[in-house]
Amino acid sequence: MERVPVLKIGDILLVSIQVDMEDQTALQLQEDLADRIVATGCHGVIIDITALDIVDSFVGRMLSTIAATVLRDAGVRRDDACVLVARVPG
């Protein structure tokens, strides 16, 4: 199983998913990211999924859970959060 790297840039964590997201990989990412959020006290998380060809329902739920957890732990109300998804043609 491949692990997805979690990089710290300033007070932001960056996750760029460049591997096929099997269920076990997604669960490991969720655990690794939660650990890094606690360890670093970051103020934000960026998850880049542009390299994924397919986001199945399990991976979609996992990403949603991560987003909800990060927002809750950061004290951000759901109404104040903005998610921007963009795909660059090419």
PDB file of N, CA and C in Angstrom:
ATOM      1  N   MET A   1       0.843  -1.182   0.000  1.00  0.00           N
ATOM      2  CA  MET A   1       0.000   0.000   0.000  1.00  0.00           C
ATOM      3  C   MET A   1       0.889   1.247   0.000  1.00  0.00           C
ATOM      4  N   GLU A   2       0.564   2.159  -0.881  1.00  0.00           N
ATOM      5  CA  GLU A   2       1.288   3.422  -0.932  1.00  0.00           C
ATOM      6  C   GLU A   2       0.679   4.401   0.053  1.00  0.00           C
ATOM      7  N   ARG A   3       1.522   5.261   0.626  1.00  0.00           N
ATOM      8  CA  ARG A   3       1.043   6.312   1.513  1.00  0.00           C
ATOM      9  C   ARG A   3       1.072   7.626   0.760  1.00  0.00           C
ATOM     10  N   VAL A   4       0.122   8.469   1.093  1.00  0.00           N
ATOM     11  CA  VAL A   4       0.037   9.791   0.486  1.00  0.00           C
ATOM     12  C   VAL A   4       0.784  10.763   1.384  1.00  0.00           C
ATOM     13  N   PRO A   5       1.774  11.488   0.836  1.00  0.00           N
ATOM     14  CA  PRO A   5       2.539  12.415   1.679  1.00  0.00           C
ATOM     15  C   PRO A   5       1.698  13.609   2.122  1.00  0.00           C
ATOM     16  N   VAL A   6       1.949  14.047   3.345  1.00  0.00           N
ATOM     17  CA  VAL A   6       1.316  15.234   3.906  1.00  0.00           C
ATOM     18  C   VAL A   6       2.439  16.229   4.178  1.00  0.00           C
ATOM     19  N   LEU A   7       2.466  17.318   3.425  1.00  0.00           N
ATOM     20  CA  LEU A   7       3.541  18.303   3.517  1.00  0.00           C
ATOM     21  C   LEU A   7       3.079  19.529   4.295  1.00  0.00           C
ATOM     22  N   LYS A   8       3.974  20.093   5.094  1.00  0.00           N
ATOM     23  CA  LYS A   8       3.669  21.311   5.842  1.00  0.00           C
ATOM     24  C   LYS A   8       4.335  22.484   5.129  1.00  0.00           C
ATOM     25  N   ILE A   9       3.538  23.462   4.740  1.00  0.00           N
ATOM     26  CA  ILE A   9       4.041  24.677   4.107  1.00  0.00           C
ATOM     27  C   ILE A   9       3.502  25.842   4.920  1.00  0.00           C
ATOM     28  N   GLY A  10       4.371  26.460   5.701  1.00  0.00           N
ATOM     29  CA  GLY A  10       3.916  27.499   6.622  1.00  0.00           C
ATOM     30  C   GLY A  10       2.987  26.887   7.642  1.00  0.00           C
ATOM     31  N   ASP A  11       1.794  27.456   7.789  1.00  0.00           N
ATOM     32  CA  ASP A  11       0.836  26.888   8.729  1.00  0.00           C
ATOM     33  C   ASP A  11      -0.286  26.124   8.017  1.00  0.00           C
ATOM     34  N   ILE A  12       0.022  25.658   6.799  1.00  0.00           N
ATOM     35  CA  ILE A  12      -0.926  24.901   5.981  1.00  0.00           C
ATOM     36  C   ILE A  12      -0.353  23.511   5.712  1.00  0.00           C
ATOM     37  N   LEU A  13      -1.219  22.511   5.716  1.00  0.00           N
ATOM     38  CA  LEU A  13      -0.821  21.177   5.280  1.00  0.00           C
ATOM     39  C   LEU A  13      -1.292  20.975   3.852  1.00  0.00           C
ATOM     40  N   LEU A  14      -0.435  20.422   3.028  1.00  0.00           N
ATOM     41  CA  LEU A  14      -0.744  20.167   1.627  1.00  0.00           C
ATOM     42  C   LEU A  14      -0.714  18.670   1.373  1.00  0.00           C
ATOM     43  N   VAL A  15      -1.793  18.159   0.812  1.00  0.00           N
ATOM     44  CA  VAL A  15      -1.891  16.756   0.436  1.00  0.00           C
ATOM     45  C   VAL A  15      -2.165  16.714  -1.059  1.00  0.00           C
ATOM     46  N   SER A  16      -1.245  16.136  -1.812  1.00  0.00           N
ATOM     47  CA  SER A  16      -1.440  15.992  -3.245  1.00  0.00           C
ATOM     48  C   SER A  16      -1.519  14.499  -3.544  1.00  0.00           C
ATOM     49  N   ILE A  17      -2.708  14.046  -3.862  1.00  0.00           N
ATOM     50  CA  ILE A  17      -2.936  12.615  -4.064  1.00  0.00           C
ATOM     51  C   ILE A  17      -2.517  12.253  -5.487  1.00  0.00           C
ATOM     52  N   GLN A  18      -1.435  11.492  -5.590  1.00  0.00           N
ATOM     53  CA  GLN A  18      -0.870  11.117  -6.886  1.00  0.00           C
ATOM     54  C   GLN A  18      -0.921   9.610  -7.117  1.00  0.00           C
ATOM     55  N   VAL A  19      -1.607   8.880  -6.239  1.00  0.00           N
ATOM     56  CA  VAL A  19      -1.694   7.421  -6.338  1.00  0.00           C
ATOM     57  C   VAL A  19      -3.161   7.030  -6.473  1.00  0.00           C
ATOM     58  N   ASP A  20      -3.401   5.796  -6.927  1.00  0.00           N
ATOM     59  CA  ASP A  20      -4.770   5.287  -6.968  1.00  0.00           C
ATOM     60  C   ASP A  20      -5.272   5.163  -5.535  1.00  0.00           C
ATOM     61  N   MET A  21      -6.445   5.714  -5.276  1.00  0.00           N
ATOM     62  CA  MET A  21      -6.985   5.710  -3.922  1.00  0.00           C
ATOM     63  C   MET A  21      -7.823   4.466  -3.679  1.00  0.00           C
ATOM     64  N   GLU A  22      -7.172   3.444  -3.177  1.00  0.00           N
ATOM     65  CA  GLU A  22      -7.896   2.262  -2.734  1.00  0.00           C
ATOM     66  C   GLU A  22      -8.423   2.558  -1.332  1.00  0.00           C
ATOM     67  N   ASP A  23      -9.382   1.768  -0.886  1.00  0.00           N
ATOM     68  CA  ASP A  23     -10.006   2.031   0.405  1.00  0.00           C
ATOM     69  C   ASP A  23      -8.983   2.110   1.545  1.00  0.00           C
ATOM     70  N   GLN A  24      -8.041   1.187   1.578  1.00  0.00           N
ATOM     71  CA  GLN A  24      -7.054   1.172   2.664  1.00  0.00           C
ATOM     72  C   GLN A  24      -6.146   2.403   2.610  1.00  0.00           C
ATOM     73  N   THR A  25      -5.797   2.843   1.410  1.00  0.00           N
ATOM     74  CA  THR A  25      -4.985   4.046   1.250  1.00  0.00           C
ATOM     75  C   THR A  25      -5.743   5.262   1.767  1.00  0.00           C
ATOM     76  N   ALA A  26      -7.041   5.330   1.472  1.00  0.00           N
ATOM     77  CA  ALA A  26      -7.871   6.443   1.937  1.00  0.00           C
ATOM     78  C   ALA A  26      -7.963   6.461   3.465  1.00  0.00           C
ATOM     79  N   LEU A  27      -8.146   5.305   4.069  1.00  0.00           N
ATOM     80  CA  LEU A  27      -8.212   5.234   5.530  1.00  0.00           C
ATOM     81  C   LEU A  27      -6.895   5.643   6.167  1.00  0.00           C
ATOM     82  N   GLN A  28      -5.788   5.205   5.561  1.00  0.00           N
ATOM     83  CA  GLN A  28      -4.470   5.568   6.093  1.00  0.00           C
ATOM     84  C   GLN A  28      -4.236   7.066   5.968  1.00  0.00           C
ATOM     85  N   LEU A  29      -4.653   7.663   4.848  1.00  0.00           N
ATOM     86  CA  LEU A  29      -4.516   9.102   4.666  1.00  0.00           C
ATOM     87  C   LEU A  29      -5.308   9.846   5.734  1.00  0.00           C
ATOM     88  N   GLN A  30      -6.527   9.401   5.990  1.00  0.00           N
ATOM     89  CA  GLN A  30      -7.359  10.055   6.998  1.00  0.00           C
ATOM     90  C   GLN A  30      -6.656  10.030   8.357  1.00  0.00           C
ATOM     91  N   GLU A  31      -6.091   8.897   8.715  1.00  0.00           N
ATOM     92  CA  GLU A  31      -5.380   8.767   9.991  1.00  0.00           C
ATOM     93  C   GLU A  31      -4.115   9.628  10.013  1.00  0.00           C
ATOM     94  N   ASP A  32      -3.321   9.556   8.944  1.00  0.00           N
ATOM     95  CA  ASP A  32      -2.082  10.343   8.877  1.00  0.00           C
ATOM     96  C   ASP A  32      -2.371  11.840   8.949  1.00  0.00           C
ATOM     97  N   LEU A  33      -3.388  12.283   8.231  1.00  0.00           N
ATOM     98  CA  LEU A  33      -3.719  13.702   8.211  1.00  0.00           C
ATOM     99  C   LEU A  33      -4.206  14.175   9.580  1.00  0.00           C
ATOM    100  N   ALA A  34      -5.033  13.372  10.226  1.00  0.00           N
ATOM    101  CA  ALA A  34      -5.506  13.728  11.570  1.00  0.00           C
ATOM    102  C   ALA A  34      -4.324  13.864  12.529  1.00  0.00           C
ATOM    103  N   ASP A  35      -3.377  12.932  12.449  1.00  0.00           N
ATOM    104  CA  ASP A  35      -2.185  12.998  13.309  1.00  0.00           C
ATOM    105  C   ASP A  35      -1.374  14.261  13.039  1.00  0.00           C
ATOM    106  N   ARG A  36      -1.191  14.602  11.755  1.00  0.00           N
ATOM    107  CA  ARG A  36      -0.398  15.793  11.399  1.00  0.00           C
ATOM    108  C   ARG A  36      -1.101  17.084  11.805  1.00  0.00           C
ATOM    109  N   ILE A  37      -2.432  17.110  11.706  1.00  0.00           N
ATOM    110  CA  ILE A  37      -3.182  18.298  12.117  1.00  0.00           C
ATOM    111  C   ILE A  37      -2.954  18.556  13.602  1.00  0.00           C
ATOM    112  N   VAL A  38      -3.049  17.516  14.403  1.00  0.00           N
ATOM    113  CA  VAL A  38      -2.835  17.652  15.848  1.00  0.00           C
ATOM    114  C   VAL A  38      -1.395  18.029  16.148  1.00  0.00           C
ATOM    115  N   ALA A  39      -0.449  17.368  15.490  1.00  0.00           N
ATOM    116  CA  ALA A  39       0.974  17.589  15.773  1.00  0.00           C
ATOM    117  C   ALA A  39       1.449  18.983  15.378  1.00  0.00           C
ATOM    118  N   THR A  40       0.891  19.538  14.300  1.00  0.00           N
ATOM    119  CA  THR A  40       1.394  20.813  13.787  1.00  0.00           C
ATOM    120  C   THR A  40       0.561  22.019  14.203  1.00  0.00           C
ATOM    121  N   GLY A  41      -0.687  21.787  14.590  1.00  0.00           N
ATOM    122  CA  GLY A  41      -1.564  22.919  14.906  1.00  0.00           C
ATOM    123  C   GLY A  41      -1.811  23.800  13.684  1.00  0.00           C
ATOM    124  N   CYS A  42      -1.873  23.187  12.518  1.00  0.00           N
ATOM    125  CA  CYS A  42      -2.014  23.936  11.268  1.00  0.00           C
ATOM    126  C   CYS A  42      -3.311  24.739  11.260  1.00  0.00           C
ATOM    127  N   HIS A  43      -3.351  25.731  10.361  1.00  0.00           N
ATOM    128  CA  HIS A  43      -4.528  26.576  10.211  1.00  0.00           C
ATOM    129  C   HIS A  43      -5.308  26.294   8.941  1.00  0.00           C
ATOM    130  N   GLY A  44      -4.892  25.280   8.203  1.00  0.00           N
ATOM    131  CA  GLY A  44      -5.611  24.941   6.987  1.00  0.00           C
ATOM    132  C   GLY A  44      -5.045  23.685   6.346  1.00  0.00           C
ATOM    133  N   VAL A  45      -5.865  23.078   5.502  1.00  0.00           N
ATOM    134  CA  VAL A  45      -5.465  21.881   4.773  1.00  0.00           C
ATOM    135  C   VAL A  45      -5.922  22.036   3.326  1.00  0.00           C
ATOM    136  N   ILE A  46      -5.020  21.764   2.414  1.00  0.00           N
ATOM    137  CA  ILE A  46      -5.352  21.751   0.987  1.00  0.00           C
ATOM    138  C   ILE A  46      -5.168  20.316   0.505  1.00  0.00           C
ATOM    139  N   ILE A  47      -6.226  19.769  -0.090  1.00  0.00           N
ATOM    140  CA  ILE A  47      -6.154  18.420  -0.641  1.00  0.00           C
ATOM    141  C   ILE A  47      -6.342  18.525  -2.149  1.00  0.00           C
ATOM    142  N   ASP A  48      -5.295  18.204  -2.876  1.00  0.00           N
ATOM    143  CA  ASP A  48      -5.296  18.266  -4.340  1.00  0.00           C
ATOM    144  C   ASP A  48      -5.654  16.888  -4.882  1.00  0.00           C
ATOM    145  N   ILE A  49      -6.806  16.790  -5.536  1.00  0.00           N
ATOM    146  CA  ILE A  49      -7.231  15.508  -6.106  1.00  0.00           C
ATOM    147  C   ILE A  49      -7.249  15.540  -7.634  1.00  0.00           C
ATOM    148  N   THR A  50      -6.602  16.524  -8.222  1.00  0.00           N
ATOM    149  CA  THR A  50      -6.663  16.681  -9.681  1.00  0.00           C
ATOM    150  C   THR A  50      -6.036  15.506 -10.431  1.00  0.00           C
ATOM    151  N   ALA A  51      -5.151  14.741  -9.788  1.00  0.00           N
ATOM    152  CA  ALA A  51      -4.524  13.608 -10.469  1.00  0.00           C
ATOM    153  C   ALA A  51      -5.403  12.354 -10.441  1.00  0.00           C
ATOM    154  N   LEU A  52      -6.486  12.385  -9.669  1.00  0.00           N
ATOM    155  CA  LEU A  52      -7.360  11.212  -9.594  1.00  0.00           C
ATOM    156  C   LEU A  52      -8.279  11.164 -10.807  1.00  0.00           C
ATOM    157  N   ASP A  53      -8.327  10.002 -11.452  1.00  0.00           N
ATOM    158  CA  ASP A  53      -9.249   9.818 -12.567  1.00  0.00           C
ATOM    159  C   ASP A  53     -10.673   9.606 -12.071  1.00  0.00           C
ATOM    160  N   ILE A  54     -10.787   8.893 -10.941  1.00  0.00           N
ATOM    161  CA  ILE A  54     -12.097   8.545 -10.398  1.00  0.00           C
ATOM    162  C   ILE A  54     -12.090   8.761  -8.886  1.00  0.00           C
ATOM    163  N   VAL A  55     -13.169   9.367  -8.388  1.00  0.00           N
ATOM    164  CA  VAL A  55     -13.385   9.458  -6.943  1.00  0.00           C
ATOM    165  C   VAL A  55     -14.656   8.654  -6.666  1.00  0.00           C
ATOM    166  N   ASP A  56     -14.472   7.443  -6.111  1.00  0.00           N
ATOM    167  CA  ASP A  56     -15.642   6.609  -5.848  1.00  0.00           C
ATOM    168  C   ASP A  56     -16.346   7.078  -4.580  1.00  0.00           C
ATOM    169  N   SER A  57     -17.448   6.455  -4.254  1.00  0.00           N
ATOM    170  CA  SER A  57     -18.259   6.911  -3.122  1.00  0.00           C
ATOM    171  C   SER A  57     -17.508   6.817  -1.804  1.00  0.00           C
ATOM    172  N   PHE A  58     -16.687   5.782  -1.612  1.00  0.00           N
ATOM    173  CA  PHE A  58     -15.944   5.637  -0.366  1.00  0.00           C
ATOM    174  C   PHE A  58     -14.924   6.766  -0.214  1.00  0.00           C
ATOM    175  N   VAL A  59     -14.152   7.019  -1.248  1.00  0.00           N
ATOM    176  CA  VAL A  59     -13.144   8.088  -1.199  1.00  0.00           C
ATOM    177  C   VAL A  59     -13.832   9.444  -1.052  1.00  0.00           C
ATOM    178  N   GLY A  60     -14.949   9.642  -1.723  1.00  0.00           N
ATOM    179  CA  GLY A  60     -15.710  10.883  -1.583  1.00  0.00           C
ATOM    180  C   GLY A  60     -16.164  11.108  -0.154  1.00  0.00           C
ATOM    181  N   ARG A  61     -16.680  10.056   0.490  1.00  0.00           N
ATOM    182  CA  ARG A  61     -17.100  10.169   1.897  1.00  0.00           C
ATOM    183  C   ARG A  61     -15.906  10.453   2.799  1.00  0.00           C
ATOM    184  N   MET A  62     -14.773   9.813   2.530  1.00  0.00           N
ATOM    185  CA  MET A  62     -13.576  10.033   3.324  1.00  0.00           C
ATOM    186  C   MET A  62     -13.124  11.482   3.217  1.00  0.00           C
ATOM    187  N   LEU A  63     -13.130  12.041   2.009  1.00  0.00           N
ATOM    188  CA  LEU A  63     -12.741  13.438   1.826  1.00  0.00           C
ATOM    189  C   LEU A  63     -13.725  14.372   2.535  1.00  0.00           C
ATOM    190  N   SER A  64     -14.992  14.041   2.483  1.00  0.00           N
ATOM    191  CA  SER A  64     -16.003  14.832   3.172  1.00  0.00           C
ATOM    192  C   SER A  64     -15.803  14.786   4.682  1.00  0.00           C
ATOM    193  N   THR A  65     -15.480  13.619   5.197  1.00  0.00           N
ATOM    194  CA  THR A  65     -15.227  13.469   6.636  1.00  0.00           C
ATOM    195  C   THR A  65     -14.008  14.273   7.054  1.00  0.00           C
ATOM    196  N   ILE A  66     -12.950  14.216   6.259  1.00  0.00           N
ATOM    197  CA  ILE A  66     -11.747  14.996   6.562  1.00  0.00           C
ATOM    198  C   ILE A  66     -12.088  16.481   6.588  1.00  0.00           C
ATOM    199  N   ALA A  67     -12.808  16.943   5.580  1.00  0.00           N
ATOM    200  CA  ALA A  67     -13.166  18.364   5.511  1.00  0.00           C
ATOM    201  C   ALA A  67     -13.978  18.777   6.732  1.00  0.00           C
ATOM    202  N   ALA A  68     -14.973  17.978   7.102  1.00  0.00           N
ATOM    203  CA  ALA A  68     -15.806  18.304   8.262  1.00  0.00           C
ATOM    204  C   ALA A  68     -14.981  18.330   9.541  1.00  0.00           C
ATOM    205  N   THR A  69     -14.064  17.393   9.687  1.00  0.00           N
ATOM    206  CA  THR A  69     -13.218  17.323  10.876  1.00  0.00           C
ATOM    207  C   THR A  69     -12.284  18.522  10.960  1.00  0.00           C
ATOM    208  N   VAL A  70     -11.660  18.857   9.846  1.00  0.00           N
ATOM    209  CA  VAL A  70     -10.741  20.004   9.829  1.00  0.00           C
ATOM    210  C   VAL A  70     -11.494  21.284  10.167  1.00  0.00           C
ATOM    211  N   LEU A  71     -12.659  21.475   9.565  1.00  0.00           N
ATOM    212  CA  LEU A  71     -13.444  22.675   9.838  1.00  0.00           C
ATOM    213  C   LEU A  71     -13.857  22.737  11.303  1.00  0.00           C
ATOM    214  N   ARG A  72     -14.336  21.626  11.839  1.00  0.00           N
ATOM    215  CA  ARG A  72     -14.775  21.591  13.235  1.00  0.00           C
ATOM    216  C   ARG A  72     -13.607  21.881  14.177  1.00  0.00           C
ATOM    217  N   ASP A  73     -12.494  21.203  13.952  1.00  0.00           N
ATOM    218  CA  ASP A  73     -11.335  21.368  14.832  1.00  0.00           C
ATOM    219  C   ASP A  73     -10.742  22.767  14.735  1.00  0.00           C
ATOM    220  N   ALA A  74     -10.893  23.408  13.585  1.00  0.00           N
ATOM    221  CA  ALA A  74     -10.361  24.755  13.407  1.00  0.00           C
ATOM    222  C   ALA A  74     -11.337  25.821  13.895  1.00  0.00           C
ATOM    223  N   GLY A  75     -12.533  25.397  14.314  1.00  0.00           N
ATOM    224  CA  GLY A  75     -13.524  26.346  14.801  1.00  0.00           C
ATOM    225  C   GLY A  75     -14.216  27.123  13.697  1.00  0.00           C
ATOM    226  N   VAL A  76     -14.181  26.591  12.476  1.00  0.00           N
ATOM    227  CA  VAL A  76     -14.813  27.273  11.345  1.00  0.00           C
ATOM    228  C   VAL A  76     -16.242  26.753  11.207  1.00  0.00           C
ATOM    229  N   ARG A  77     -17.183  27.679  11.170  1.00  0.00           N
ATOM    230  CA  ARG A  77     -18.571  27.280  10.960  1.00  0.00           C
ATOM    231  C   ARG A  77     -18.761  26.877   9.512  1.00  0.00           C
ATOM    232  N   ARG A  78     -19.622  25.905   9.308  1.00  0.00           N
ATOM    233  CA  ARG A  78     -19.865  25.403   7.955  1.00  0.00           C
ATOM    234  C   ARG A  78     -20.288  26.520   7.010  1.00  0.00           C
ATOM    235  N   ASP A  79     -21.066  27.486   7.486  1.00  0.00           N
ATOM    236  CA  ASP A  79     -21.524  28.595   6.642  1.00  0.00           C
ATOM    237  C   ASP A  79     -20.378  29.515   6.217  1.00  0.00           C
ATOM    238  N   ASP A  80     -19.281  29.520   6.981  1.00  0.00           N
ATOM    239  CA  ASP A  80     -18.158  30.398   6.673  1.00  0.00           C
ATOM    240  C   ASP A  80     -17.127  29.735   5.761  1.00  0.00           C
ATOM    241  N   ALA A  81     -17.307  28.462   5.505  1.00  0.00           N
ATOM    242  CA  ALA A  81     -16.318  27.731   4.712  1.00  0.00           C
ATOM    243  C   ALA A  81     -16.648  27.838   3.225  1.00  0.00           C
ATOM    244  N   CYS A  82     -15.614  27.889   2.427  1.00  0.00           N
ATOM    245  CA  CYS A  82     -15.783  27.959   0.977  1.00  0.00           C
ATOM    246  C   CYS A  82     -14.857  26.921   0.362  1.00  0.00           C
ATOM    247  N   VAL A  83     -15.388  26.090  -0.485  1.00  0.00           N
ATOM    248  CA  VAL A  83     -14.580  25.089  -1.172  1.00  0.00           C
ATOM    249  C   VAL A  83     -14.571  25.444  -2.649  1.00  0.00           C
ATOM    250  N   LEU A  84     -13.388  25.557  -3.215  1.00  0.00           N
ATOM    251  CA  LEU A  84     -13.240  25.875  -4.622  1.00  0.00           C
ATOM    252  C   LEU A  84     -12.629  24.673  -5.331  1.00  0.00           C
ATOM    253  N   VAL A  85     -13.310  24.168  -6.322  1.00  0.00           N
ATOM    254  CA  VAL A  85     -12.808  23.043  -7.097  1.00  0.00           C
ATOM    255  C   VAL A  85     -12.640  23.526  -8.531  1.00  0.00           C
ATOM    256  N   ALA A  86     -11.442  23.375  -9.045  1.00  0.00           N
ATOM    257  CA  ALA A  86     -11.181  23.813 -10.414  1.00  0.00           C
ATOM    258  C   ALA A  86     -10.357  22.757 -11.131  1.00  0.00           C
ATOM    259  N   ARG A  87     -10.647  22.559 -12.379  1.00  0.00           N
ATOM    260  CA  ARG A  87      -9.850  21.645 -13.192  1.00  0.00           C
ATOM    261  C   ARG A  87      -9.282  22.457 -14.346  1.00  0.00           C
ATOM    262  N   VAL A  88      -7.977  22.412 -14.459  1.00  0.00           N
ATOM    263  CA  VAL A  88      -7.308  23.137 -15.523  1.00  0.00           C
ATOM    264  C   VAL A  88      -7.334  22.277 -16.782  1.00  0.00           C
ATOM    265  N   PRO A  89      -7.844  22.805 -17.876  1.00  0.00           N
ATOM    266  CA  PRO A  89      -7.885  22.020 -19.109  1.00  0.00           C
ATOM    267  C   PRO A  89      -6.488  21.632 -19.558  1.00  0.00           C
ATOM    268  N   GLY A  90      -6.380  20.466 -20.143  1.00  0.00           N
ATOM    269  CA  GLY A  90      -5.078  20.089 -20.664  1.00  0.00           C
ATOM    270  C   GLY A  90      -4.815  18.717 -20.609  1.00  0.00           C
TER     271      GLY A  90
END
